Amino acid sequence: MPLALLVLGPAVLLLGIFLLWRLPVAFAAVCVGAAALTDLTGLGREGFQLGVTLYPTDLACAALIGAATVVSLRARSLPDKLCWPAVILLGLGVLNFARGVVIFGIKAPGNGARDLIDLVLPAVAVSVMCADRRVGVDRLTTCLSFASLVLAAVAVARWTGIIALPAEIGEDFREVPRALSSDAAIIIGQTLIAVLGLQWTRGIRLKGVIFAVMLAGLVFALQHRSVWLATLAGIVWLAVRSPRLEQKEWLKLSSIVLLAGFIATLLPLASPRVFEGAARVVHANVKEIGQDDSTWSWRVQGYSEAIERVLSESPVAAVLGPPSGQDLSDRASFASIHIHDRYVSVLAYYGVTGLIFLTAWLISLGTRIGAMAPAGSRDRVARSEKVTLEAILVSAVVFFVPYSGGQLEGSLLGLIWLAALNRQTVRATRQWSMQDSNRLRTAGEAVSAA
């Protein structure tokens, strides 16, 4: 075995370098996807011992850095419109990691820094690598749909026993165990929002509606209440903010809604077990929230402890956060260290500065999306696409309250940034073309008059 590793190791490394140089974007995308699959299946969960412990997500981060560097070297410059709050937030994570290495060595800071870097690095790298690519809402929806189909296949395989459920799920109050993590479930929920938005933009299509129903059923069956809420928030935003449909599209939508209502009315009569099972799922999840020992109560207790701790530390810790990897296990609860909230987590580990730039990052995304179709714009497609991206962003903002997100969510936020930039570029190109046409027409009229 050691001999095989000595032979295959350099060969795999050389192949990776070759692919990284020739196809940097595709190579990085495959690495991020492979890391997500290993996380789903549990492969590589123990890490790889290469002097330090490396995990699949670490290798994906290295691929993202390498691919972004290759693209920048080829272009001999960085993109003009980087999301600078995200870049600064990533720099703050690297700074706290470096501070922790000096004090604690590399292991503990590495474990502490992954949480933020796994989210922000993909967003920054994607915006660097794909700045010159046409990333529209339709292409974004296609990518999300493909990812959701893979995730759905894994969920179904676990429910049917083809793939074993993760060991950490254990016994809980749910009749049907969770087959996917929250980070995977929110991607499916955001795909649902994107598919619905595309229906609003391109017109109601039966296959799109069927796909949306399947996604909605899968989100429900996965039983992540926070994903339910985040997805619902995005759908409500989409419904309220979207432009009005044309009359024929309204007729299609009304017919589909009436048919769905008719089926939902007959479902309890045709299949009582399915209806009763769905009712039990809702009842069990709602009942758990009201218990004194609910997961939400546990999280809120951790939030309070983490905020109090960081604000009572030294001024440097309050402003920049403590050095990454600082061991707090002897004087803090588990819930206040492994914080299930992106906002509180950033405040606890990166101080007030981190929270400011996290907020600035999300606001800059919203501002960039808003510029796709300014107020009063008559471009219905641009307005619909803008609302679709806003709805996905709203779902992410809500999702960050109970969870932190990972590489998939960070990649999606980077693609949203590029999709918004692409629409602005198209709009600007059309304006320039119209101005050039007007100038030519005016010049022609002047020549004719002369």
Protein backbone atom coordinates (compact mmCIF):
# COMPACT_ATOMS: atom_id res chain seq x y z
CA MET A 1 0.00 0.00 0.00
CA PRO A 2 2.71 2.60 0.81
CA LEU A 3 4.38 1.80 -2.51
CA ALA A 4 1.10 2.28 -4.36
CA LEU A 5 0.62 5.62 -2.64
CA LEU A 6 4.13 6.68 -3.54
CA VAL A 7 3.45 5.85 -7.19
CA LEU A 8 -0.12 7.12 -7.46
CA GLY A 9 0.30 10.20 -5.27
CA PRO A 10 2.65 12.14 -7.59
CA ALA A 11 0.67 10.99 -10.64
CA VAL A 12 -2.62 12.27 -9.20
CA LEU A 13 -0.93 15.52 -8.15
CA LEU A 14 0.50 16.10 -11.63
CA LEU A 15 -2.87 15.32 -13.22
CA GLY A 16 -4.55 17.79 -10.85
CA ILE A 17 -2.04 20.53 -11.72
CA PHE A 18 -2.54 19.87 -15.45
CA LEU A 19 -6.34 20.06 -15.19
CA LEU A 20 -6.11 23.10 -12.95
CA TRP A 21 -4.05 24.93 -15.59
CA ARG A 22 -6.10 23.83 -18.60
CA LEU A 23 -9.62 23.92 -17.12
CA PRO A 24 -9.45 25.96 -13.90
CA VAL A 25 -13.17 26.75 -13.57
CA ALA A 26 -14.35 23.21 -14.33
CA PHE A 27 -11.68 21.74 -12.06
CA ALA A 28 -12.72 23.94 -9.13
CA ALA A 29 -16.41 23.17 -9.71
CA VAL A 30 -15.73 19.41 -9.72
CA CYS A 31 -13.69 19.71 -6.52
CA VAL A 32 -16.46 21.62 -4.71
CA GLY A 33 -19.03 19.08 -5.93
CA ALA A 34 -16.83 16.17 -4.89
CA ALA A 35 -16.33 17.70 -1.43
CA ALA A 36 -20.11 18.06 -1.06
CA LEU A 37 -20.64 14.43 -2.06
CA THR A 38 -18.01 13.18 0.39
CA ASP A 39 -19.73 15.17 3.11
CA LEU A 40 -23.07 13.60 2.18
CA THR A 41 -21.73 10.06 2.06
CA GLY A 42 -19.35 10.38 5.02
CA LEU A 43 -16.28 9.47 2.95
CA GLY A 44 -13.17 11.29 4.09
CA ARG A 45 -14.83 12.39 7.30
CA GLU A 46 -11.76 11.34 9.27
CA GLY A 47 -9.56 13.48 7.04
CA PHE A 48 -6.24 12.77 5.38
CA GLN A 49 -3.05 12.82 7.38
CA LEU A 50 -0.45 14.82 5.46
CA GLY A 51 1.51 16.25 8.35
CA VAL A 52 -1.72 18.04 9.27
CA THR A 53 -5.26 16.73 8.98
CA LEU A 54 -6.88 17.79 5.73
CA TYR A 55 -10.54 17.30 4.86
CA PRO A 56 -12.24 17.21 1.44
CA THR A 57 -13.50 20.77 1.92
CA ASP A 58 -9.90 21.89 2.53
CA LEU A 59 -8.86 20.36 -0.79
CA ALA A 60 -11.79 22.11 -2.46
CA CYS A 61 -10.64 25.41 -0.93
CA ALA A 62 -7.15 24.81 -2.29
CA ALA A 63 -8.63 24.12 -5.73
CA LEU A 64 -10.66 27.34 -5.56
CA ILE A 65 -7.57 29.37 -4.64
CA GLY A 66 -5.53 27.72 -7.38
CA ALA A 67 -8.21 28.18 -10.04
CA ALA A 68 -8.76 31.84 -9.13
CA THR A 69 -5.00 32.42 -9.26
CA VAL A 70 -4.69 30.77 -12.69
CA VAL A 71 -7.55 32.82 -14.12
CA SER A 72 -6.10 36.04 -12.70
CA LEU A 73 -2.64 35.27 -14.12
CA ARG A 74 -4.11 34.63 -17.55
CA ALA A 75 -6.16 37.83 -17.44
CA ARG A 76 -3.22 39.70 -15.81
CA SER A 77 -5.71 41.52 -13.62
CA LEU A 78 -8.54 41.09 -11.17
CA PRO A 79 -12.16 41.71 -12.19
CA ASP A 80 -13.29 45.33 -12.04
CA LYS A 81 -16.32 44.57 -9.86
CA LEU A 82 -15.31 42.30 -7.03
CA CYS A 83 -17.53 42.06 -3.96
CA TRP A 84 -15.09 43.83 -1.66
CA PRO A 85 -16.97 43.27 1.63
CA ALA A 86 -16.66 39.52 1.01
CA VAL A 87 -12.97 39.90 0.18
CA ILE A 88 -12.37 41.86 3.40
CA LEU A 89 -14.37 39.34 5.43
CA LEU A 90 -12.25 36.55 3.97
CA GLY A 91 -9.12 38.54 4.84
CA LEU A 92 -10.35 38.91 8.41
CA GLY A 93 -10.75 35.13 8.64
CA VAL A 94 -7.19 34.62 7.37
CA LEU A 95 -5.91 37.24 9.85
CA ASN A 96 -7.53 35.52 12.83
CA PHE A 97 -6.26 32.17 11.58
CA ALA A 98 -2.71 33.55 11.45
CA ARG A 99 -3.06 34.98 14.97
CA GLY A 100 -4.22 31.59 16.21
CA VAL A 101 -1.34 29.74 14.52
CA VAL A 102 1.18 31.91 16.35
CA ILE A 103 -0.42 31.10 19.72
CA PHE A 104 -1.88 27.59 19.42
CA GLY A 105 -0.17 25.98 16.42
CA ILE A 106 -1.90 25.01 13.19
CA LYS A 107 -4.47 22.40 14.26
CA ALA A 108 -6.83 24.34 16.50
CA PRO A 109 -6.85 27.52 14.34
CA GLY A 110 -7.52 25.40 11.28
CA ASN A 111 -10.58 23.88 12.88
CA GLY A 112 -11.81 27.30 13.97
CA ALA A 113 -11.25 29.12 10.68
CA ARG A 114 -12.96 26.59 8.40
CA ASP A 115 -16.48 27.69 9.32
CA LEU A 116 -16.13 31.18 7.80
CA ILE A 117 -13.65 30.41 5.02
CA ASP A 118 -15.77 27.55 3.65
CA LEU A 119 -18.60 30.05 3.08
CA VAL A 120 -16.78 33.18 1.90
CA LEU A 121 -13.92 31.76 -0.16
CA PRO A 122 -16.19 30.13 -2.80
CA ALA A 123 -18.11 33.39 -3.26
CA VAL A 124 -14.89 35.36 -3.81
CA ALA A 125 -13.27 32.70 -6.00
CA VAL A 126 -16.36 32.28 -8.20
CA SER A 127 -16.55 36.05 -8.80
CA VAL A 128 -12.87 36.05 -9.82
CA MET A 129 -12.98 32.95 -12.01
CA CYS A 130 -16.24 33.58 -13.87
CA ALA A 131 -16.20 37.37 -14.26
CA ASP A 132 -16.13 37.12 -18.08
CA ARG A 133 -18.73 34.34 -18.33
CA ARG A 134 -22.40 34.70 -19.10
CA VAL A 135 -24.03 33.58 -15.87
CA GLY A 136 -27.72 34.37 -16.16
CA VAL A 137 -30.66 33.42 -13.98
CA ASP A 138 -31.61 30.62 -16.38
CA ARG A 139 -28.13 29.10 -16.22
CA LEU A 140 -28.08 29.53 -12.45
CA THR A 141 -31.40 27.68 -12.25
CA THR A 142 -30.03 24.88 -14.40
CA CYS A 143 -27.01 24.45 -12.12
CA LEU A 144 -29.21 24.44 -9.03
CA SER A 145 -31.60 21.93 -10.61
CA PHE A 146 -28.76 19.54 -11.43
CA ALA A 147 -27.39 19.82 -7.88
CA SER A 148 -30.86 19.24 -6.41
CA LEU A 149 -31.38 16.13 -8.51
CA VAL A 150 -28.13 14.68 -7.16
CA LEU A 151 -29.13 15.58 -3.60
CA ALA A 152 -32.60 14.10 -4.13
CA ALA A 153 -31.05 10.85 -5.38
CA VAL A 154 -28.94 10.62 -2.22
CA ALA A 155 -31.97 11.31 0.00
CA VAL A 156 -34.10 8.67 -1.72
CA ALA A 157 -31.23 6.16 -1.56
CA ARG A 158 -30.99 6.71 2.20
CA TRP A 159 -34.71 6.46 2.79
CA THR A 160 -34.87 3.19 0.84
CA GLY A 161 -31.84 1.73 2.60
CA ILE A 162 -29.53 1.67 -0.42
CA ILE A 163 -27.18 4.07 1.39
CA ALA A 164 -26.85 4.00 5.17
CA LEU A 165 -28.00 7.01 7.14
CA PRO A 166 -25.25 9.04 8.84
CA ALA A 167 -24.38 7.67 12.26
CA GLU A 168 -24.81 11.05 13.98
CA ILE A 169 -28.52 11.24 13.12
CA GLY A 170 -29.42 8.72 15.83
CA GLU A 171 -32.83 8.53 17.44
CA ASP A 172 -34.89 11.70 17.73
CA PHE A 173 -38.51 12.74 17.69
CA ARG A 174 -38.89 12.46 13.90
CA GLU A 175 -40.75 9.48 12.47
CA VAL A 176 -38.82 9.86 9.21
CA PRO A 177 -35.14 10.67 9.85
CA ARG A 178 -33.42 13.53 8.09
CA ALA A 179 -31.64 12.16 5.06
CA LEU A 180 -29.68 15.33 4.21
CA SER A 181 -27.98 18.09 6.18
CA SER A 182 -29.42 21.58 6.39
CA ASP A 183 -26.75 22.90 4.00
CA ALA A 184 -27.96 20.45 1.35
CA ALA A 185 -31.66 20.97 2.11
CA ILE A 186 -31.47 24.76 1.67
CA ILE A 187 -29.98 24.29 -1.81
CA ILE A 188 -33.09 22.30 -2.75
CA GLY A 189 -35.31 25.00 -1.25
CA GLN A 190 -33.49 27.71 -3.20
CA THR A 191 -33.81 25.63 -6.36
CA LEU A 192 -37.56 25.62 -5.76
CA ILE A 193 -37.50 29.43 -5.57
CA ALA A 194 -35.42 29.68 -8.76
CA VAL A 195 -37.71 27.30 -10.68
CA LEU A 196 -40.79 29.24 -9.60
CA GLY A 197 -39.08 32.50 -10.56
CA LEU A 198 -38.20 31.12 -13.98
CA GLN A 199 -41.87 30.20 -14.48
CA TRP A 200 -42.79 33.76 -13.72
CA THR A 201 -40.15 35.05 -16.14
CA ARG A 202 -40.45 32.66 -19.09
CA GLY A 203 -44.10 31.66 -18.72
CA ILE A 204 -45.91 28.85 -16.90
CA ARG A 205 -44.83 25.40 -18.12
CA LEU A 206 -46.33 22.14 -16.90
CA LYS A 207 -42.97 20.38 -16.54
CA GLY A 208 -41.65 23.32 -14.51
CA VAL A 209 -44.67 23.17 -12.20
CA ILE A 210 -44.30 19.39 -11.75
CA PHE A 211 -40.61 19.82 -10.95
CA ALA A 212 -41.46 22.56 -8.44
CA VAL A 213 -44.02 20.29 -6.74
CA MET A 214 -41.41 17.54 -6.46
CA LEU A 215 -38.91 19.96 -4.94
CA ALA A 216 -41.51 21.26 -2.47
CA GLY A 217 -42.34 17.71 -1.39
CA LEU A 218 -38.67 16.92 -0.91
CA VAL A 219 -38.09 20.06 1.18
CA PHE A 220 -41.03 19.09 3.37
CA ALA A 221 -39.88 15.48 3.77
CA LEU A 222 -36.35 16.51 4.82
CA GLN A 223 -37.86 18.08 7.97
CA HIS A 224 -35.50 20.99 8.46
CA ARG A 225 -37.85 23.56 9.96
CA SER A 226 -35.38 26.35 9.37
CA VAL A 227 -35.22 25.41 5.68
CA TRP A 228 -39.03 25.42 5.58
CA LEU A 229 -39.05 28.96 6.95
CA ALA A 230 -36.21 30.22 4.73
CA THR A 231 -37.79 28.73 1.59
CA LEU A 232 -41.21 30.11 2.49
CA ALA A 233 -39.71 33.57 3.04
CA GLY A 234 -38.18 33.47 -0.45
CA ILE A 235 -41.42 32.27 -2.06
CA VAL A 236 -43.46 35.00 -0.32
CA TRP A 237 -40.97 37.62 -1.54
CA LEU A 238 -41.23 36.17 -5.05
CA ALA A 239 -45.03 36.21 -5.01
CA VAL A 240 -45.33 39.75 -3.64
CA ARG A 241 -42.59 41.43 -5.68
CA SER A 242 -42.90 39.70 -9.07
CA PRO A 243 -44.41 41.63 -12.00
CA ARG A 244 -47.94 40.76 -12.98
CA LEU A 245 -48.38 37.85 -15.34
CA GLU A 246 -50.08 38.24 -18.69
CA GLN A 247 -53.70 37.17 -18.89
CA LYS A 248 -53.00 33.84 -20.60
CA GLU A 249 -50.33 33.01 -18.03
CA TRP A 250 -52.74 33.85 -15.22
CA LEU A 251 -55.24 31.43 -16.78
CA LYS A 252 -52.60 28.69 -16.86
CA LEU A 253 -51.58 29.36 -13.27
CA SER A 254 -55.18 29.49 -12.06
CA SER A 255 -55.95 26.17 -13.76
CA ILE A 256 -52.92 24.54 -12.17
CA VAL A 257 -53.79 25.92 -8.72
CA LEU A 258 -57.38 24.69 -9.02
CA LEU A 259 -56.17 21.27 -10.11
CA ALA A 260 -53.69 21.15 -7.22
CA GLY A 261 -56.42 22.14 -4.78
CA PHE A 262 -58.71 19.44 -6.15
CA ILE A 263 -55.98 16.80 -5.78
CA ALA A 264 -55.14 18.01 -2.24
CA THR A 265 -58.82 17.71 -1.32
CA LEU A 266 -59.09 14.14 -2.63
CA LEU A 267 -55.72 13.00 -1.30
CA PRO A 268 -56.92 12.25 2.28
CA LEU A 269 -59.72 10.13 0.83
CA ALA A 270 -57.59 8.32 -1.74
CA SER A 271 -54.57 7.75 0.47
CA PRO A 272 -55.29 8.32 4.18
CA ARG A 273 -51.87 7.00 5.22
CA VAL A 274 -50.00 9.64 3.23
CA PHE A 275 -52.13 12.42 4.69
CA GLU A 276 -51.77 11.09 8.23
CA GLY A 277 -48.02 10.71 7.82
CA ALA A 278 -47.67 14.32 6.63
CA ALA A 279 -49.81 15.50 9.54
CA ARG A 280 -47.61 13.61 12.02
CA VAL A 281 -44.48 15.20 10.53
CA VAL A 282 -45.89 18.70 11.03
CA HIS A 283 -47.22 17.93 14.51
CA ALA A 284 -43.94 16.40 15.73
CA ASN A 285 -41.86 19.34 14.49
CA VAL A 286 -44.20 21.99 15.88
CA LYS A 287 -44.49 20.20 19.23
CA GLU A 288 -40.69 20.02 19.65
CA ILE A 289 -40.36 23.81 19.30
CA GLY A 290 -42.49 24.42 22.38
CA GLN A 291 -40.55 22.11 24.66
CA ASP A 292 -38.15 23.51 27.25
CA ASP A 293 -35.34 21.32 25.93
CA SER A 294 -35.99 22.09 22.25
CA THR A 295 -33.10 22.64 19.85
CA TRP A 296 -34.15 26.27 19.46
CA SER A 297 -33.97 26.92 23.21
CA TRP A 298 -30.54 25.28 23.28
CA ARG A 299 -29.35 27.52 20.46
CA VAL A 300 -30.68 30.74 21.98
CA GLN A 301 -28.89 29.94 25.21
CA GLY A 302 -25.67 29.51 23.25
CA TYR A 303 -26.23 32.79 21.39
CA SER A 304 -26.57 34.73 24.63
CA GLU A 305 -23.48 33.15 26.15
CA ALA A 306 -21.34 33.70 23.03
CA ILE A 307 -22.33 37.38 22.66
CA GLU A 308 -21.72 38.08 26.34
CA ARG A 309 -18.33 36.37 26.17
CA VAL A 310 -16.99 38.26 23.14
CA LEU A 311 -18.14 41.65 24.43
CA SER A 312 -16.51 41.01 27.81
CA GLU A 313 -13.14 40.09 26.27
CA SER A 314 -10.32 42.51 25.53
CA PRO A 315 -10.96 45.45 23.14
CA VAL A 316 -9.04 43.65 20.38
CA ALA A 317 -11.24 40.56 20.74
CA ALA A 318 -14.39 42.70 20.71
CA VAL A 319 -13.26 44.45 17.52
CA LEU A 320 -11.50 41.64 15.60
CA GLY A 321 -12.53 38.56 17.56
CA PRO A 322 -10.27 36.22 19.55
CA PRO A 323 -7.45 34.35 17.78
CA SER A 324 -8.89 31.48 15.77
CA GLY A 325 -8.75 28.19 17.64
CA GLN A 326 -8.88 29.59 21.14
CA ASP A 327 -10.00 26.77 23.42
CA LEU A 328 -13.09 27.80 25.32
CA SER A 329 -14.29 24.34 26.34
CA ASP A 330 -13.30 24.78 29.99
CA ARG A 331 -15.50 27.82 30.50
CA ALA A 332 -18.16 27.73 27.80
CA SER A 333 -21.00 25.44 26.73
CA PHE A 334 -20.97 23.46 23.51
CA ALA A 335 -23.80 25.58 22.08
CA SER A 336 -21.80 28.79 22.50
CA ILE A 337 -18.76 27.35 20.68
CA HIS A 338 -20.48 25.49 17.83
CA ILE A 339 -22.88 28.33 17.14
CA HIS A 340 -25.88 27.63 14.89
CA ASP A 341 -26.19 31.20 13.59
CA ARG A 342 -24.01 32.88 11.01
CA TYR A 343 -24.47 36.37 12.47
CA VAL A 344 -23.76 35.42 16.08
CA SER A 345 -20.92 33.14 15.00
CA VAL A 346 -19.19 35.94 13.08
CA LEU A 347 -19.63 38.32 16.01
CA ALA A 348 -18.26 35.74 18.46
CA TYR A 349 -15.19 34.80 16.42
CA TYR A 350 -14.52 37.90 14.30
CA GLY A 351 -15.82 40.66 16.49
CA VAL A 352 -17.86 43.70 15.56
CA THR A 353 -15.73 44.17 12.43
CA GLY A 354 -16.69 40.75 11.15
CA LEU A 355 -20.39 41.38 11.73
CA ILE A 356 -20.15 44.74 9.94
CA PHE A 357 -18.55 43.24 6.84
CA LEU A 358 -20.89 40.24 6.82
CA THR A 359 -23.82 42.68 6.82
CA ALA A 360 -22.10 44.80 4.16
CA TRP A 361 -21.60 41.70 2.00
CA LEU A 362 -25.29 40.79 2.10
CA ILE A 363 -26.33 44.41 1.53
CA SER A 364 -23.96 44.75 -1.42
CA LEU A 365 -25.49 41.62 -2.95
CA GLY A 366 -28.94 43.13 -2.56
CA THR A 367 -27.79 46.45 -4.01
CA ARG A 368 -26.17 44.76 -6.99
CA ILE A 369 -29.35 42.77 -7.64
CA GLY A 370 -31.46 45.91 -7.33
CA ALA A 371 -29.40 47.60 -10.05
CA MET A 372 -30.48 44.92 -12.54
CA ALA A 373 -33.78 46.72 -13.11
CA PRO A 374 -34.03 50.23 -11.63
CA ALA A 375 -37.35 51.53 -10.37
CA GLY A 376 -39.68 52.26 -13.25
CA SER A 377 -37.95 49.85 -15.64
CA ARG A 378 -40.26 48.45 -18.33
CA ASP A 379 -38.08 45.42 -18.97
CA ARG A 380 -40.35 42.72 -17.54
CA VAL A 381 -37.76 39.95 -17.90
CA ALA A 382 -35.12 41.97 -16.05
CA ARG A 383 -37.59 42.79 -13.26
CA SER A 384 -38.61 39.15 -12.91
CA GLU A 385 -35.01 37.97 -12.82
CA LYS A 386 -34.20 40.64 -10.24
CA VAL A 387 -37.01 39.49 -7.97
CA THR A 388 -35.93 35.84 -8.37
CA LEU A 389 -32.37 36.62 -7.22
CA GLU A 390 -33.75 38.79 -4.40
CA ALA A 391 -35.94 35.90 -3.24
CA ILE A 392 -32.98 33.49 -3.19
CA LEU A 393 -30.95 36.06 -1.23
CA VAL A 394 -33.82 36.54 1.24
CA SER A 395 -33.91 32.79 1.83
CA ALA A 396 -30.16 32.83 2.51
CA VAL A 397 -30.47 35.74 4.95
CA VAL A 398 -33.20 33.89 6.87
CA PHE A 399 -31.29 30.60 6.73
CA PHE A 400 -28.24 32.24 8.34
CA VAL A 401 -30.26 32.83 11.53
CA PRO A 402 -30.27 29.14 12.59
CA TYR A 403 -27.39 27.84 10.44
CA SER A 404 -24.06 28.98 9.04
CA GLY A 405 -23.98 27.69 5.47
CA GLY A 406 -21.03 26.08 3.71
CA GLN A 407 -19.27 25.82 0.38
CA LEU A 408 -22.41 25.16 -1.66
CA GLU A 409 -24.19 28.20 -0.24
CA GLY A 410 -21.08 30.36 -0.69
CA SER A 411 -20.79 29.25 -4.32
CA LEU A 412 -24.44 30.13 -4.88
CA LEU A 413 -23.96 33.62 -3.45
CA GLY A 414 -21.01 34.11 -5.79
CA LEU A 415 -23.12 33.02 -8.78
CA ILE A 416 -25.89 35.42 -7.72
CA TRP A 417 -23.36 38.27 -7.79
CA LEU A 418 -22.28 37.29 -11.32
CA ALA A 419 -25.87 36.85 -12.55
CA ALA A 420 -26.70 40.36 -11.36
CA LEU A 421 -23.60 41.77 -13.07
CA ASN A 422 -24.46 39.91 -16.28
CA ARG A 423 -27.93 41.44 -16.47
CA GLN A 424 -26.50 44.93 -15.91
CA THR A 425 -23.93 44.35 -18.67
CA VAL A 426 -26.66 43.22 -21.08
CA ARG A 427 -28.80 46.24 -20.21
CA ALA A 428 -25.86 48.62 -20.64
CA THR A 429 -24.96 47.02 -24.00
CA ARG A 430 -28.51 47.48 -25.23
CA GLN A 431 -28.49 51.13 -24.15
CA TRP A 432 -25.21 51.74 -25.95
CA SER A 433 -26.54 50.03 -29.09
CA MET A 434 -29.67 52.18 -29.03
CA GLN A 435 -27.59 55.32 -28.54
CA ASP A 436 -25.33 54.37 -31.46
CA SER A 437 -28.37 53.70 -33.64
CA ASN A 438 -29.83 57.08 -32.73
CA ARG A 439 -26.55 58.80 -33.56
CA LEU A 440 -26.36 57.08 -36.96
CA ARG A 441 -29.96 57.91 -37.72
CA THR A 442 -29.43 61.56 -36.75
CA ALA A 443 -26.28 61.75 -38.85
CA GLY A 444 -28.10 60.20 -41.81
CA GLU A 445 -30.91 62.68 -41.54
CA ALA A 446 -28.43 65.55 -41.43
CA VAL A 447 -26.66 64.27 -44.56
CA SER A 448 -29.96 63.89 -46.38
CA ALA A 449 -31.01 67.38 -45.40
CA ALA A 450 -27.71 68.76 -46.68
